[in-house]
Amino acid sequence: MRPLLRPWTTRRSPSAFPLVLVRPFSAAHALPRCERLHVPCRSSGSLRVDVFHSSTPSSPVLLYLPPGPVIPESAEEQDRVISTLSATSGATIARVNYRASSQFQFPTPIHDVLLGYDWVRQNLLQDGFSRPVIGRLGVCGELVGGSLSVMLALTECRPGESRITATAVNNPIVDWLFPDGLPTVAEAELLEPAAPDETAMFADEDPMALTDRTQPDSHTNRSMKNQKRSAKPPPPNAWQLYGDDTSIPTVTLSAERDVLFRRPEDVFDRFASPIHFFRSPHGLLLYPKQDDMWASEQPDTPLDIETRMDLSHYQSYDFSPPAPELPVLARCRAYARIYPPAGSNLSLPEWRITAGSQSPLLDQASDLTKMIRRSVARHTLKKRAGRLRWQDSAEKEYYEDYAKGRVALETFDGAGLWADQANNKQWQAQVEQIGGWMKEVLKPEFV
């Protein structure tokens, strides 16, 4: 495990869910017939995809992404989750065993999931004559698998083709920029991002807010209000409150981050931290100036060739050059981003987001739900009513309720992990509800 740097690595709406009959905990589901296939990854080996066939030929297809290295040695638990999903959803399940380790760091897990998704579309979405059809696809996962599921759902949802139409994630890691690495500073002392972002709205600002944006001082007044509120310390977040949870302690999450990412800046990538599709990061890396006499301190008068050779000869005696200083992570302002972007022809799927009420990742699940709901409400209103209706309070409330129906959030006791079945006695009921929800959403009329 390679440490990065000290500041960087310190350590619902019930009506939205269909009624699902939950069996007793002791009930067991048989694992369906499994076909293990190896998909070549060009020069980087192969990817294993496990296909659990449904008994119904025209069944929908569900991609399942394992939780990753955060919960190792969970093969039996994963088989129970898959058998439960298969029995309650009636879908053919393709488990994409993406590679994520110190040997296969990001972006390898992203490439593996996209490769597995393309393979599923080409090989499992066929009719009785082996002809390709437009199919109904769902995706689900938790932890690292939840992060990759969110990435896939946000980017592979184009109408008119086989696409992701239903997404279920549990305790997803959607922002690898964990709170323990960000220093706590007052609102007035927050830095600005290194480059201008796509909008001038703060990340927590509603793009459909009923405000008069023609006033030039509205942004300034908002900043002054934030500065006045900054005198009171912020309340503790879920990362601080539940960081010692035995199921997913924060020290384990931070350690896995250091293993899975080669460079500190890689966690800012939107495909690795998909919450950044909707807002800019809360932090930025400050790189120290390198002491390079030739690059940063060029003399006003060019040196002749003999002088430069003498200087180079003198520098050659320094056999122990100082190690380069590592970047320092600083907190900065976060700005809202418009996603999907205009002209992208993306239509976000339906969502079911779950998390444990004592999970350190609870805030991430809540933020993801809020961001997706805003996006669904904004784009649906724009598509159906146009920009002129944005300032209508009735229209705004209607589309906000519509978004809550498409993006549901539910919490469970404890950490609420599917794979930690020893500490989560309700895992089967949770997974059965997910399977029943998938069965309803993936019906043909929803495509």
Protein backbone atom coordinates (compact mmCIF):
# COMPACT_ATOMS: atom_id res chain seq x y z
CA MET A 1 0.00 0.00 0.00
CA ARG A 2 1.46 3.30 -1.11
CA PRO A 3 0.58 6.28 1.10
CA LEU A 4 -0.06 9.55 -0.68
CA LEU A 5 0.29 12.35 1.86
CA ARG A 6 -0.87 13.27 5.32
CA PRO A 7 -3.58 15.82 4.43
CA TRP A 8 -4.82 13.39 1.80
CA THR A 9 -4.97 10.07 3.64
CA THR A 10 -5.81 10.52 7.31
CA ARG A 11 -7.77 8.21 7.56
CA ARG A 12 -37.59 8.17 1.32
CA SER A 13 -40.37 8.13 -0.31
CA PRO A 14 -42.35 4.94 0.69
CA SER A 15 -44.90 5.37 -2.09
CA ALA A 16 -42.14 5.04 -4.67
CA PHE A 17 -41.57 1.38 -3.82
CA PRO A 18 -43.85 -1.38 -5.13
CA LEU A 19 -45.38 -3.80 -2.67
CA VAL A 20 -43.14 -6.85 -2.45
CA LEU A 21 -43.99 -10.03 -0.55
CA VAL A 22 -41.03 -10.76 1.71
CA ARG A 23 -40.31 -14.35 2.60
CA PRO A 24 -39.01 -15.39 6.01
CA PHE A 25 -35.30 -15.03 6.55
CA SER A 26 -34.83 -18.80 6.69
CA ALA A 27 -36.19 -19.25 3.18
CA ALA A 28 -33.44 -20.01 0.69
CA HIS A 29 -33.39 -19.55 -3.07
CA ALA A 30 -31.61 -22.02 -5.31
CA LEU A 31 -28.74 -20.65 -7.37
CA PRO A 32 -29.73 -20.73 -11.07
CA ARG A 33 -27.67 -22.41 -13.76
CA CYS A 34 -24.37 -20.56 -14.12
CA GLU A 35 -22.18 -20.21 -17.20
CA ARG A 36 -18.69 -18.82 -16.58
CA LEU A 37 -17.20 -17.02 -19.55
CA HIS A 38 -13.92 -15.20 -20.13
CA VAL A 39 -14.01 -12.03 -22.22
CA PRO A 40 -10.63 -11.00 -23.69
CA CYS A 41 -9.41 -7.54 -22.69
CA ARG A 42 -6.93 -7.10 -25.53
CA SER A 43 -3.45 -6.88 -24.03
CA SER A 44 -4.55 -6.83 -20.37
CA GLY A 45 -5.71 -10.41 -19.89
CA SER A 46 -9.38 -11.35 -19.69
CA LEU A 47 -12.51 -10.48 -17.76
CA ARG A 48 -14.73 -13.17 -16.26
CA VAL A 49 -18.49 -12.80 -16.63
CA ASP A 50 -20.77 -15.23 -14.78
CA VAL A 51 -24.17 -15.62 -16.46
CA PHE A 52 -26.98 -16.96 -14.25
CA HIS A 53 -29.67 -17.98 -16.70
CA SER A 54 -33.33 -17.39 -16.06
CA SER A 55 -35.91 -20.08 -16.78
CA THR A 56 -37.86 -17.60 -18.92
CA PRO A 57 -36.39 -17.12 -22.43
CA SER A 58 -37.58 -13.51 -22.84
CA SER A 59 -36.53 -12.39 -19.37
CA PRO A 60 -34.82 -9.02 -18.82
CA VAL A 61 -31.10 -8.84 -18.10
CA LEU A 62 -29.64 -7.55 -14.86
CA LEU A 63 -25.96 -6.67 -14.39
CA TYR A 64 -24.61 -7.33 -10.93
CA LEU A 65 -21.35 -5.70 -9.82
CA PRO A 66 -19.67 -7.19 -6.70
CA PRO A 67 -18.72 -4.93 -3.78
CA GLY A 68 -15.01 -5.14 -4.62
CA PRO A 69 -12.00 -5.39 -2.31
CA VAL A 70 -13.68 -3.49 0.53
CA ILE A 71 -15.35 -6.77 1.53
CA PRO A 72 -13.01 -9.61 0.55
CA GLU A 73 -13.77 -13.32 0.92
CA SER A 74 -17.52 -12.93 0.37
CA ALA A 75 -18.13 -15.47 -2.42
CA GLU A 76 -20.85 -17.36 -0.54
CA GLU A 77 -22.63 -14.15 0.43
CA GLN A 78 -22.55 -12.97 -3.17
CA ASP A 79 -24.08 -16.24 -4.38
CA ARG A 80 -26.93 -15.79 -1.89
CA VAL A 81 -27.53 -12.24 -3.11
CA ILE A 82 -27.60 -13.38 -6.74
CA SER A 83 -29.93 -16.33 -6.06
CA THR A 84 -32.32 -13.98 -4.24
CA LEU A 85 -32.22 -11.41 -7.03
CA SER A 86 -32.80 -14.12 -9.64
CA ALA A 87 -35.80 -15.58 -7.82
CA THR A 88 -37.54 -12.26 -7.17
CA SER A 89 -36.74 -10.42 -10.41
CA GLY A 90 -37.04 -13.31 -12.88
CA ALA A 91 -34.07 -11.84 -14.78
CA THR A 92 -30.97 -13.32 -16.30
CA ILE A 93 -28.15 -12.02 -14.14
CA ALA A 94 -24.68 -11.26 -15.50
CA ARG A 95 -22.08 -10.82 -12.77
CA VAL A 96 -19.22 -8.73 -14.13
CA ASN A 97 -16.15 -9.64 -12.07
CA TYR A 98 -14.24 -6.43 -12.67
CA ARG A 99 -10.64 -6.31 -11.53
CA ALA A 100 -9.73 -3.90 -8.72
CA SER A 101 -6.49 -4.29 -6.76
CA SER A 102 -3.00 -2.86 -6.44
CA GLN A 103 -2.22 -4.59 -9.74
CA PHE A 104 -5.39 -3.41 -11.48
CA GLN A 105 -5.88 0.16 -10.34
CA PHE A 106 -8.30 2.71 -11.71
CA PRO A 107 -9.29 3.14 -14.49
CA THR A 108 -9.09 -0.66 -15.02
CA PRO A 109 -12.34 -1.33 -13.06
CA ILE A 110 -14.13 1.24 -15.23
CA HIS A 111 -12.84 -0.30 -18.44
CA ASP A 112 -13.81 -3.79 -17.25
CA VAL A 113 -17.38 -2.77 -16.44
CA LEU A 114 -17.84 -1.01 -19.78
CA LEU A 115 -16.39 -4.04 -21.57
CA GLY A 116 -18.70 -6.38 -19.67
CA TYR A 117 -21.67 -4.14 -20.45
CA ASP A 118 -20.90 -4.19 -24.18
CA TRP A 119 -20.48 -7.97 -24.07
CA VAL A 120 -23.86 -8.39 -22.39
CA ARG A 121 -25.59 -6.23 -24.98
CA GLN A 122 -24.03 -8.16 -27.84
CA ASN A 123 -24.47 -11.68 -26.48
CA LEU A 124 -27.45 -11.76 -24.12
CA LEU A 125 -29.88 -9.40 -25.83
CA GLN A 126 -30.91 -11.68 -28.70
CA ASP A 127 -34.12 -13.26 -29.92
CA GLY A 128 -34.72 -16.95 -30.66
CA PHE A 129 -32.86 -16.62 -33.95
CA SER A 130 -29.74 -15.04 -32.40
CA ARG A 131 -30.66 -11.63 -33.75
CA PRO A 132 -29.93 -8.53 -31.64
CA VAL A 133 -32.90 -6.85 -29.98
CA ILE A 134 -33.40 -3.71 -27.95
CA GLY A 135 -33.38 -5.09 -24.44
CA ARG A 136 -34.26 -4.03 -20.92
CA LEU A 137 -31.20 -3.72 -18.71
CA GLY A 138 -30.84 -3.13 -15.00
CA VAL A 139 -27.71 -2.74 -12.89
CA CYS A 140 -27.13 -3.09 -9.17
CA GLY A 141 -24.22 -3.24 -6.74
CA GLU A 142 -22.87 -1.89 -3.47
CA LEU A 143 -19.69 -0.13 -2.31
CA VAL A 144 -17.21 -0.12 -5.24
CA GLY A 145 -19.76 -2.04 -7.30
CA GLY A 146 -22.32 0.63 -6.41
CA SER A 147 -19.94 3.36 -7.60
CA LEU A 148 -19.43 1.60 -10.93
CA SER A 149 -23.17 0.96 -11.22
CA VAL A 150 -23.86 4.69 -10.86
CA MET A 151 -21.19 5.47 -13.47
CA LEU A 152 -22.74 2.98 -15.91
CA ALA A 153 -26.29 4.21 -15.33
CA LEU A 154 -25.35 7.87 -15.86
CA THR A 155 -23.53 7.26 -19.15
CA GLU A 156 -25.33 4.30 -20.80
CA CYS A 157 -28.94 5.52 -20.89
CA ARG A 158 -29.67 6.62 -24.45
CA PRO A 159 -33.29 6.10 -25.56
CA GLY A 160 -33.88 4.10 -28.71
CA GLU A 161 -31.21 1.48 -27.96
CA SER A 162 -30.42 -1.15 -25.36
CA ARG A 163 -29.73 0.84 -22.23
CA ILE A 164 -29.82 0.94 -18.45
CA THR A 165 -33.42 1.61 -17.37
CA ALA A 166 -33.24 0.64 -13.68
CA THR A 167 -30.47 1.13 -11.13
CA ALA A 168 -30.30 -0.14 -7.55
CA VAL A 169 -27.27 0.72 -5.43
CA ASN A 170 -26.55 0.12 -1.77
CA ASN A 171 -24.00 2.21 0.16
CA PRO A 172 -22.33 3.37 -3.08
CA ILE A 173 -18.92 5.07 -2.97
CA VAL A 174 -19.68 7.95 -5.32
CA ASP A 175 -16.97 10.34 -4.04
CA TRP A 176 -13.50 8.99 -3.24
CA LEU A 177 -12.58 12.41 -1.87
CA PHE A 178 -13.38 11.44 1.71
CA PRO A 179 -14.12 14.10 4.36
CA ASP A 180 -11.21 13.14 6.63
CA GLY A 181 -8.72 14.41 4.08
CA LEU A 182 -10.34 17.83 3.74
CA PRO A 183 -9.39 20.47 6.33
CA THR A 184 -12.22 22.32 8.05
CA VAL A 185 -12.15 26.01 7.18
CA ALA A 186 -14.59 28.89 7.44
CA GLU A 187 -16.84 29.68 4.50
CA ALA A 188 -15.03 32.97 3.92
CA GLU A 189 -11.68 31.16 3.64
CA LEU A 190 -12.72 28.63 1.01
CA LEU A 191 -10.57 28.67 -2.09
CA GLU A 192 -11.94 28.89 -5.59
CA PRO A 193 -11.42 25.94 -7.98
CA ALA A 194 -8.29 26.03 -10.08
CA ALA A 195 -10.36 26.48 -13.26
CA PRO A 196 -13.81 27.99 -13.82
CA ASP A 197 -16.58 25.42 -13.71
CA GLU A 198 -19.59 24.97 -15.94
CA THR A 199 -21.98 27.08 -13.86
CA ALA A 200 -21.82 29.90 -11.33
CA MET A 201 -24.23 28.17 -8.94
CA PHE A 202 -23.06 26.70 -5.65
CA ALA A 203 -23.29 22.91 -5.41
CA ASP A 204 -26.11 23.09 -2.85
CA GLU A 205 -28.05 25.67 -4.87
CA ASP A 206 -31.20 24.50 -6.61
CA PRO A 207 -30.98 25.24 -10.37
CA MET A 208 -34.79 25.53 -10.38
CA ALA A 209 -34.91 27.90 -7.41
CA LEU A 210 -37.48 30.66 -7.62
CA THR A 211 -35.00 33.54 -7.55
CA ASP A 212 -34.47 36.56 -9.73
CA ARG A 213 -31.18 35.79 -11.45
CA THR A 214 -31.23 39.12 -13.23
CA GLN A 215 -30.00 40.82 -10.05
CA PRO A 216 -26.19 41.06 -10.22
CA ASP A 217 -25.75 41.00 -6.47
CA SER A 218 -27.70 37.77 -5.82
CA HIS A 219 -24.54 35.67 -5.83
CA THR A 220 -22.76 38.14 -3.57
CA ASN A 221 -25.63 38.21 -1.09
CA ARG A 222 -25.58 34.41 -0.98
CA SER A 223 -21.84 34.46 -0.20
CA MET A 224 -22.32 37.01 2.60
CA LYS A 225 -25.05 34.88 4.17
CA ASN A 226 -22.78 31.85 4.07
CA GLN A 227 -20.01 33.82 5.74
CA LYS A 228 -22.35 34.85 8.57
CA ARG A 229 -23.41 31.24 9.09
CA SER A 230 -19.82 30.01 9.08
CA ALA A 231 -19.27 31.19 12.67
CA LYS A 232 -21.20 28.14 13.90
CA PRO A 233 -19.26 24.89 13.43
CA PRO A 234 -20.95 22.44 11.07
CA PRO A 235 -22.64 19.39 12.60
CA PRO A 236 -20.74 16.09 12.46
CA ASN A 237 -21.24 14.14 9.27
CA ALA A 238 -21.89 10.43 8.82
CA TRP A 239 -18.20 9.81 8.12
CA GLN A 240 -17.34 11.16 11.58
CA LEU A 241 -20.29 9.65 13.44
CA TYR A 242 -20.03 6.09 12.10
CA GLY A 243 -16.38 5.88 11.11
CA ASP A 244 -15.72 3.08 13.60
CA ASP A 245 -18.43 0.80 12.24
CA THR A 246 -17.06 -2.75 12.13
CA SER A 247 -18.69 -3.55 8.78
CA ILE A 248 -17.08 -0.73 6.77
CA PRO A 249 -14.75 1.34 8.97
CA THR A 250 -13.46 4.52 7.41
CA VAL A 251 -9.86 3.44 7.91
CA THR A 252 -10.54 0.50 5.59
CA LEU A 253 -12.17 2.72 2.97
CA SER A 254 -9.24 5.15 3.03
CA ALA A 255 -6.72 2.31 2.81
CA GLU A 256 -8.50 0.80 -0.18
CA ARG A 257 -8.54 4.19 -1.86
CA ASP A 258 -4.76 4.40 -1.54
CA VAL A 259 -4.45 0.95 -3.12
CA LEU A 260 -6.91 1.45 -5.98
CA PHE A 261 -5.70 4.86 -7.19
CA ARG A 262 -2.26 5.41 -8.64
CA ARG A 263 -2.20 9.20 -8.24
CA PRO A 264 -4.08 11.59 -5.92
CA GLU A 265 -5.66 13.44 -8.85
CA ASP A 266 -7.28 10.25 -10.17
CA VAL A 267 -10.05 10.42 -7.56
CA PHE A 268 -11.32 13.63 -9.17
CA ASP A 269 -12.25 11.78 -12.36
CA ARG A 270 -16.01 11.80 -12.91
CA PHE A 271 -16.12 8.13 -13.91
CA ALA A 272 -14.35 7.14 -10.68
CA SER A 273 -16.32 9.55 -8.44
CA PRO A 274 -19.64 9.88 -10.32
CA ILE A 275 -21.04 12.53 -7.95
CA HIS A 276 -18.73 14.90 -9.84
CA PHE A 277 -21.01 14.61 -12.87
CA PHE A 278 -23.39 16.84 -10.90
CA ARG A 279 -21.01 19.09 -8.97
CA SER A 280 -17.36 20.04 -8.86
CA PRO A 281 -15.13 18.50 -6.14
CA HIS A 282 -15.02 19.95 -2.65
CA GLY A 283 -11.21 19.91 -2.73
CA LEU A 284 -8.27 20.69 -4.97
CA LEU A 285 -4.62 19.69 -4.97
CA LEU A 286 -2.04 22.41 -4.40
CA TYR A 287 1.23 21.47 -6.06
CA PRO A 288 4.46 22.99 -4.69
CA LYS A 289 6.74 24.88 -7.03
CA GLN A 290 9.60 22.68 -8.10
CA ASP A 291 13.09 24.03 -7.57
CA ASP A 292 14.17 23.79 -11.19
CA MET A 293 16.77 26.37 -12.13
CA TRP A 294 16.43 25.72 -15.87
CA ALA A 295 12.64 25.68 -16.08
CA SER A 296 11.47 28.16 -13.45
CA GLU A 297 14.39 30.57 -13.12
CA GLN A 298 15.70 31.23 -16.58
CA PRO A 299 18.28 34.05 -16.46
CA ASP A 300 17.64 37.24 -18.32
CA THR A 301 20.91 36.86 -20.23
CA PRO A 302 21.39 33.53 -22.07
CA LEU A 303 24.36 31.55 -20.80
CA ASP A 304 27.06 30.43 -23.19
CA ILE A 305 27.63 26.74 -23.81
CA GLU A 306 30.73 26.45 -21.59
CA THR A 307 28.98 28.01 -18.60
CA ARG A 308 26.00 25.69 -18.99
CA MET A 309 28.33 22.68 -19.22
CA ASP A 310 30.12 23.77 -16.03
CA LEU A 311 26.82 24.11 -14.18
CA SER A 312 25.65 20.72 -15.40
CA HIS A 313 28.96 19.17 -14.33
CA TYR A 314 28.62 20.72 -10.90
CA GLN A 315 25.04 19.43 -10.53
CA SER A 316 26.13 15.92 -11.52
CA TYR A 317 27.95 15.58 -8.14
CA ASP A 318 24.62 15.71 -6.30
CA PHE A 319 23.93 12.00 -5.97
CA SER A 320 21.00 12.39 -3.54
CA PRO A 321 18.47 14.81 -5.03
CA PRO A 322 15.68 15.75 -2.64
CA ALA A 323 12.44 13.86 -3.08
CA PRO A 324 9.74 15.92 -4.79
CA GLU A 325 7.18 17.37 -2.45
CA LEU A 326 3.76 15.82 -2.55
CA PRO A 327 0.66 17.90 -3.31
CA VAL A 328 -1.47 19.15 -0.45
CA LEU A 329 -5.23 18.74 -0.44
CA ALA A 330 -7.21 21.91 0.31
CA ARG A 331 -10.93 22.54 0.62
CA CYS A 332 -12.54 24.72 -2.05
CA ARG A 333 -15.96 25.85 -3.15
CA ALA A 334 -18.05 23.36 -5.08
CA TYR A 335 -20.22 24.47 -7.98
CA ALA A 336 -23.21 22.78 -9.56
CA ARG A 337 -22.89 21.09 -12.94
CA ILE A 338 -25.69 20.52 -15.43
CA TYR A 339 -26.05 16.82 -16.19
CA PRO A 340 -26.97 15.37 -18.60
CA PRO A 341 -25.50 18.11 -20.78
CA ALA A 342 -27.55 19.65 -23.57
CA GLY A 343 -27.54 17.62 -26.76
CA SER A 344 -26.31 14.42 -25.10
CA ASN A 345 -29.55 12.47 -25.76
CA LEU A 346 -29.37 10.86 -22.32
CA SER A 347 -32.41 9.93 -20.26
CA LEU A 348 -31.60 8.94 -16.69
CA PRO A 349 -33.07 5.61 -15.53
CA GLU A 350 -35.21 4.94 -12.48
CA TRP A 351 -33.28 4.67 -9.22
CA ARG A 352 -33.49 2.92 -5.91
CA ILE A 353 -30.71 4.08 -3.57
CA THR A 354 -30.29 2.46 -0.16
CA ALA A 355 -27.84 2.92 2.70
CA GLY A 356 -27.41 2.04 6.35
CA SER A 357 -28.59 4.58 8.90
CA GLN A 358 -25.27 4.06 10.73
CA SER A 359 -23.12 3.83 7.61
CA PRO A 360 -20.23 6.28 7.05
CA LEU A 361 -21.42 6.44 3.41
CA LEU A 362 -24.92 7.63 4.31
CA ASP A 363 -24.20 11.25 3.35
CA GLN A 364 -22.92 10.15 -0.06
CA ALA A 365 -26.15 8.26 -0.75
CA SER A 366 -28.20 11.28 0.35
CA ASP A 367 -26.19 13.70 -1.81
CA LEU A 368 -26.46 11.42 -4.84
CA THR A 369 -30.22 11.18 -4.40
CA LYS A 370 -30.56 14.96 -4.15
CA MET A 371 -28.43 15.57 -7.24
CA ILE A 372 -30.24 13.02 -9.42
CA ARG A 373 -33.66 14.26 -8.34
CA ARG A 374 -32.72 17.81 -9.29
CA SER A 375 -31.47 16.63 -12.66
CA VAL A 376 -34.61 14.59 -13.38
CA ALA A 377 -36.93 17.42 -12.32
CA ARG A 378 -35.03 20.05 -14.31
CA HIS A 379 -34.71 18.08 -17.54
CA THR A 380 -38.27 16.77 -17.44
CA LEU A 381 -39.70 20.24 -16.87
CA LYS A 382 -37.53 21.67 -19.62
CA LYS A 383 -38.60 18.94 -22.03
CA ARG A 384 -42.32 19.12 -21.30
CA ALA A 385 -42.98 22.71 -20.31
CA GLY A 386 -40.01 24.74 -21.52
CA ARG A 387 -37.84 27.28 -19.76
CA LEU A 388 -40.63 29.84 -19.34
CA ARG A 389 -42.35 27.63 -16.75
CA TRP A 390 -39.31 27.36 -14.44
CA GLN A 391 -40.52 30.23 -12.26
CA ASP A 392 -43.99 28.70 -11.79
CA SER A 393 -44.11 27.35 -8.23
CA ALA A 394 -46.86 24.84 -9.05
CA GLU A 395 -44.92 23.45 -11.99
CA LYS A 396 -41.75 23.26 -9.92
CA GLU A 397 -43.50 21.34 -7.13
CA TYR A 398 -45.13 18.95 -9.61
CA TYR A 399 -41.84 17.96 -11.25
CA GLU A 400 -40.05 17.69 -7.91
CA ASP A 401 -42.67 15.14 -6.82
CA TYR A 402 -42.24 13.37 -10.15
CA ALA A 403 -38.49 13.15 -9.57
CA LYS A 404 -39.03 11.68 -6.08
CA GLY A 405 -41.06 8.91 -7.69
CA ARG A 406 -38.22 8.06 -10.06
CA VAL A 407 -35.37 8.42 -7.55
CA ALA A 408 -36.12 6.77 -4.21
CA LEU A 409 -33.95 6.70 -1.10
CA GLU A 410 -34.37 4.26 1.79
CA THR A 411 -32.26 3.61 4.87
CA PHE A 412 -31.87 0.48 6.99
CA ASP A 413 -30.57 -0.23 10.47
CA GLY A 414 -26.83 -0.50 10.98
CA ALA A 415 -24.49 -0.37 8.01
CA GLY A 416 -27.07 -2.20 5.86
CA LEU A 417 -24.63 -4.15 3.67
CA TRP A 418 -25.92 -7.04 1.55
CA ALA A 419 -22.58 -8.83 1.71
CA ASP A 420 -22.18 -8.50 5.49
CA GLN A 421 -24.92 -11.00 6.23
CA ALA A 422 -23.58 -11.91 9.67
CA ASN A 423 -24.24 -8.36 10.92
CA ASN A 424 -27.26 -7.58 8.73
CA LYS A 425 -30.09 -10.00 9.43
CA GLN A 426 -32.42 -8.11 7.09
CA TRP A 427 -30.25 -8.45 3.99
CA GLN A 428 -32.56 -10.99 2.35
CA ALA A 429 -35.64 -8.83 2.75
CA GLN A 430 -33.72 -5.87 1.31
CA VAL A 431 -32.50 -7.82 -1.72
CA GLU A 432 -35.94 -9.35 -2.34
CA GLN A 433 -37.42 -5.86 -2.41
CA ILE A 434 -34.77 -4.84 -4.94
CA GLY A 435 -35.59 -7.88 -7.09
CA GLY A 436 -39.33 -7.18 -6.97
CA TRP A 437 -38.71 -3.54 -7.87
CA MET A 438 -36.49 -4.57 -10.80
CA LYS A 439 -39.19 -6.93 -12.06
CA GLU A 440 -41.72 -4.09 -12.16
CA VAL A 441 -39.47 -1.43 -13.69
CA LEU A 442 -37.98 -3.71 -16.36
CA LYS A 443 -41.34 -4.61 -17.83
CA PRO A 444 -41.60 -3.92 -21.60
CA GLU A 445 -43.90 -0.91 -21.18
CA PHE A 446 -41.13 0.92 -19.28
CA VAL A 447 -38.57 0.69 -22.13
